Amino acid sequence: FYGSGSENVGVQGYDMVTRLGSNIGFTEITASLRNTDNIEILNQNFGLDLRDGIDSVTLNPEIPHYYLDIKPVDKK
């Protein structure tokens, strides 16, 4: 989604599901963010932490839904 409203202007939200009733089973899932210099993570359950340099994580396939909300920031 693309956020709207004064506190949500510029917020971009991403969702990922690990299972949808498919016969495809995953044993390992990884997620990573690239080009993170100009973004701020607002909300998430991935376990990413850009301040501590964690931009790649291994996800638990048993967690059915992951979410990430980011916002661009001006670095001056």
N, C-alpha and C. Protein backbone atom coordinates (compact mmCIF):
# COMPACT_ATOMS: atom_id res chain seq x y z
N PHE A 1 0.84 -1.18 0.00
CA PHE A 1 0.00 0.00 0.00
C PHE A 1 0.87 1.23 0.00
N TYR A 2 0.31 2.32 -0.39
CA TYR A 2 1.00 3.58 -0.32
C TYR A 2 0.22 4.44 0.65
N GLY A 3 0.82 4.79 1.79
CA GLY A 3 0.12 5.48 2.87
C GLY A 3 -0.35 6.86 2.48
N SER A 4 -1.44 7.26 3.11
CA SER A 4 -1.95 8.61 2.92
C SER A 4 -2.30 9.17 4.30
N GLY A 5 -2.60 10.44 4.36
CA GLY A 5 -2.84 11.09 5.64
C GLY A 5 -1.54 11.73 6.11
N SER A 6 -1.64 12.74 6.93
CA SER A 6 -0.46 13.54 7.27
C SER A 6 0.69 12.72 7.85
N GLU A 7 0.41 11.77 8.72
CA GLU A 7 1.50 10.98 9.31
C GLU A 7 1.93 9.83 8.43
N ASN A 8 1.20 9.56 7.36
CA ASN A 8 1.53 8.43 6.49
C ASN A 8 2.04 8.83 5.11
N VAL A 9 2.22 10.10 4.85
CA VAL A 9 2.68 10.53 3.54
C VAL A 9 4.06 9.94 3.28
N GLY A 10 4.19 9.26 2.18
CA GLY A 10 5.46 8.65 1.79
C GLY A 10 5.71 7.27 2.36
N VAL A 11 4.83 6.78 3.23
CA VAL A 11 5.02 5.44 3.81
C VAL A 11 4.69 4.39 2.77
N GLN A 12 5.57 3.40 2.65
CA GLN A 12 5.34 2.28 1.74
C GLN A 12 5.27 1.02 2.59
N GLY A 13 4.21 0.23 2.39
CA GLY A 13 4.02 -0.99 3.15
C GLY A 13 4.15 -2.22 2.28
N TYR A 14 4.78 -3.23 2.84
CA TYR A 14 4.98 -4.49 2.12
C TYR A 14 4.57 -5.64 3.02
N ASP A 15 3.89 -6.60 2.45
CA ASP A 15 3.49 -7.81 3.16
C ASP A 15 4.02 -9.02 2.41
N MET A 16 4.33 -10.06 3.17
CA MET A 16 4.78 -11.31 2.59
C MET A 16 4.16 -12.45 3.39
N VAL A 17 3.61 -13.42 2.69
CA VAL A 17 3.07 -14.59 3.36
C VAL A 17 3.93 -15.80 3.03
N THR A 18 4.05 -16.71 3.98
CA THR A 18 4.92 -17.87 3.79
C THR A 18 4.15 -19.11 3.37
N ARG A 19 2.84 -19.05 3.48
CA ARG A 19 2.04 -20.19 3.01
C ARG A 19 0.64 -19.73 2.64
N LEU A 20 0.15 -20.30 1.57
CA LEU A 20 -1.18 -19.95 1.08
C LEU A 20 -1.99 -21.20 0.74
N GLY A 21 -1.78 -22.26 1.48
CA GLY A 21 -2.49 -23.49 1.21
C GLY A 21 -1.91 -24.25 0.03
N SER A 22 -0.71 -23.93 -0.36
CA SER A 22 -0.06 -24.56 -1.49
C SER A 22 0.62 -25.86 -1.05
N ASN A 23 0.91 -26.70 -2.00
CA ASN A 23 1.69 -27.91 -1.72
C ASN A 23 3.19 -27.64 -1.72
N ILE A 24 3.57 -26.41 -2.03
CA ILE A 24 4.98 -26.05 -2.01
C ILE A 24 5.36 -25.70 -0.57
N GLY A 25 6.35 -26.39 -0.05
CA GLY A 25 6.81 -26.12 1.30
C GLY A 25 8.22 -25.56 1.29
N PHE A 26 8.45 -24.54 2.07
CA PHE A 26 9.76 -23.93 2.16
C PHE A 26 10.43 -24.36 3.45
N THR A 27 11.71 -24.69 3.37
CA THR A 27 12.46 -25.03 4.57
C THR A 27 13.28 -23.86 5.06
N GLU A 28 13.59 -22.92 4.17
CA GLU A 28 14.32 -21.72 4.57
C GLU A 28 13.91 -20.55 3.69
N ILE A 29 13.70 -19.41 4.31
CA ILE A 29 13.33 -18.19 3.60
C ILE A 29 14.24 -17.09 4.12
N THR A 30 14.84 -16.34 3.22
CA THR A 30 15.64 -15.19 3.63
C THR A 30 15.07 -13.93 3.01
N ALA A 31 15.28 -12.83 3.69
CA ALA A 31 14.84 -11.53 3.19
C ALA A 31 15.97 -10.55 3.41
N SER A 32 16.13 -9.62 2.46
CA SER A 32 17.15 -8.61 2.62
C SER A 32 16.68 -7.31 1.99
N LEU A 33 17.20 -6.22 2.52
CA LEU A 33 16.95 -4.89 1.98
C LEU A 33 18.22 -4.39 1.32
N ARG A 34 18.08 -3.76 0.19
CA ARG A 34 19.21 -3.18 -0.52
C ARG A 34 18.98 -1.68 -0.67
N ASN A 35 20.04 -0.93 -0.85
CA ASN A 35 19.94 0.53 -1.03
C ASN A 35 19.17 1.16 0.13
N THR A 36 19.64 0.92 1.33
CA THR A 36 18.93 1.34 2.54
C THR A 36 19.37 2.70 3.07
N ASP A 37 20.25 3.40 2.35
CA ASP A 37 20.78 4.67 2.85
C ASP A 37 19.71 5.72 3.11
N ASN A 38 18.64 5.71 2.34
CA ASN A 38 17.66 6.78 2.45
C ASN A 38 16.28 6.29 2.89
N ILE A 39 16.25 5.22 3.68
CA ILE A 39 14.95 4.76 4.20
C ILE A 39 15.02 4.58 5.71
N GLU A 40 13.85 4.65 6.30
CA GLU A 40 13.67 4.39 7.73
C GLU A 40 12.60 3.31 7.86
N ILE A 41 12.86 2.30 8.68
CA ILE A 41 11.85 1.28 8.95
C ILE A 41 10.95 1.79 10.05
N LEU A 42 9.65 1.82 9.78
CA LEU A 42 8.69 2.30 10.76
C LEU A 42 8.10 1.17 11.58
N ASN A 43 7.65 0.12 10.92
CA ASN A 43 7.04 -1.04 11.57
C ASN A 43 7.47 -2.28 10.79
N GLN A 44 7.64 -3.39 11.50
CA GLN A 44 8.03 -4.62 10.81
C GLN A 44 8.09 -5.77 11.80
N ASN A 45 8.03 -6.97 11.28
CA ASN A 45 8.27 -8.16 12.11
C ASN A 45 9.30 -9.09 11.45
N PHE A 46 10.10 -8.56 10.55
CA PHE A 46 11.15 -9.34 9.89
C PHE A 46 12.36 -9.56 10.80
N GLY A 47 12.65 -8.59 11.67
CA GLY A 47 13.85 -8.66 12.49
C GLY A 47 15.00 -7.85 11.90
N LEU A 48 14.72 -7.03 10.92
CA LEU A 48 15.74 -6.16 10.32
C LEU A 48 16.05 -5.01 11.28
N ASP A 49 17.29 -4.56 11.29
CA ASP A 49 17.69 -3.44 12.14
C ASP A 49 18.81 -2.68 11.43
N LEU A 50 18.42 -1.68 10.66
CA LEU A 50 19.40 -0.96 9.84
C LEU A 50 20.43 -0.22 10.68
N ARG A 51 20.05 0.26 11.84
CA ARG A 51 21.00 0.97 12.71
C ARG A 51 22.13 0.06 13.16
N ASP A 52 21.83 -1.22 13.36
CA ASP A 52 22.85 -2.18 13.77
C ASP A 52 23.42 -2.98 12.60
N GLY A 53 23.10 -2.56 11.37
CA GLY A 53 23.66 -3.20 10.20
C GLY A 53 23.01 -4.51 9.80
N ILE A 54 21.84 -4.81 10.36
CA ILE A 54 21.14 -6.05 10.00
C ILE A 54 20.17 -5.75 8.86
N ASP A 55 20.62 -6.04 7.63
CA ASP A 55 19.78 -5.79 6.46
C ASP A 55 19.41 -7.09 5.74
N SER A 56 19.75 -8.23 6.35
CA SER A 56 19.40 -9.53 5.81
C SER A 56 19.10 -10.48 6.96
N VAL A 57 18.02 -11.23 6.84
CA VAL A 57 17.59 -12.13 7.92
C VAL A 57 17.07 -13.44 7.34
N THR A 58 17.16 -14.49 8.15
CA THR A 58 16.51 -15.75 7.83
C THR A 58 15.17 -15.75 8.54
N LEU A 59 14.11 -16.03 7.80
CA LEU A 59 12.76 -15.98 8.34
C LEU A 59 12.30 -17.37 8.75
N ASN A 60 11.35 -17.39 9.65
CA ASN A 60 10.75 -18.64 10.12
C ASN A 60 9.57 -18.98 9.20
N PRO A 61 9.62 -20.07 8.46
CA PRO A 61 8.51 -20.42 7.56
C PRO A 61 7.21 -20.72 8.29
N GLU A 62 7.28 -20.93 9.60
CA GLU A 62 6.07 -21.19 10.38
C GLU A 62 5.29 -19.92 10.70
N ILE A 63 5.93 -18.76 10.57
CA ILE A 63 5.22 -17.49 10.75
C ILE A 63 4.53 -17.19 9.43
N PRO A 64 3.19 -17.13 9.42
CA PRO A 64 2.47 -17.05 8.15
C PRO A 64 2.50 -15.68 7.47
N HIS A 65 2.77 -14.61 8.22
CA HIS A 65 2.66 -13.27 7.64
C HIS A 65 3.77 -12.37 8.17
N TYR A 66 4.50 -11.76 7.26
CA TYR A 66 5.51 -10.76 7.59
C TYR A 66 5.08 -9.43 6.99
N TYR A 67 5.43 -8.34 7.67
CA TYR A 67 5.08 -7.01 7.18
C TYR A 67 6.24 -6.05 7.39
N LEU A 68 6.30 -5.02 6.55
CA LEU A 68 7.36 -4.04 6.60
C LEU A 68 6.81 -2.70 6.11
N ASP A 69 6.94 -1.66 6.91
CA ASP A 69 6.56 -0.30 6.52
C ASP A 69 7.83 0.55 6.54
N ILE A 70 8.11 1.21 5.43
CA ILE A 70 9.29 2.06 5.34
C ILE A 70 8.89 3.45 4.88
N LYS A 71 9.80 4.40 5.15
CA LYS A 71 9.57 5.77 4.71
C LYS A 71 10.92 6.34 4.25
N PRO A 72 10.92 7.05 3.12
CA PRO A 72 12.16 7.68 2.69
C PRO A 72 12.54 8.82 3.64
N VAL A 73 13.83 9.00 3.86
CA VAL A 73 14.32 10.09 4.70
C VAL A 73 15.37 10.88 3.94
N ASP A 74 15.45 12.14 4.24
CA ASP A 74 16.49 13.00 3.67
C ASP A 74 17.69 12.95 4.58
N LYS A 75 18.81 12.51 4.05
CA LYS A 75 20.06 12.51 4.82
C LYS A 75 20.88 13.70 4.37
N LYS A 76 21.06 14.63 5.27
CA LYS A 76 21.81 15.86 4.92
C LYS A 76 23.08 15.92 5.68
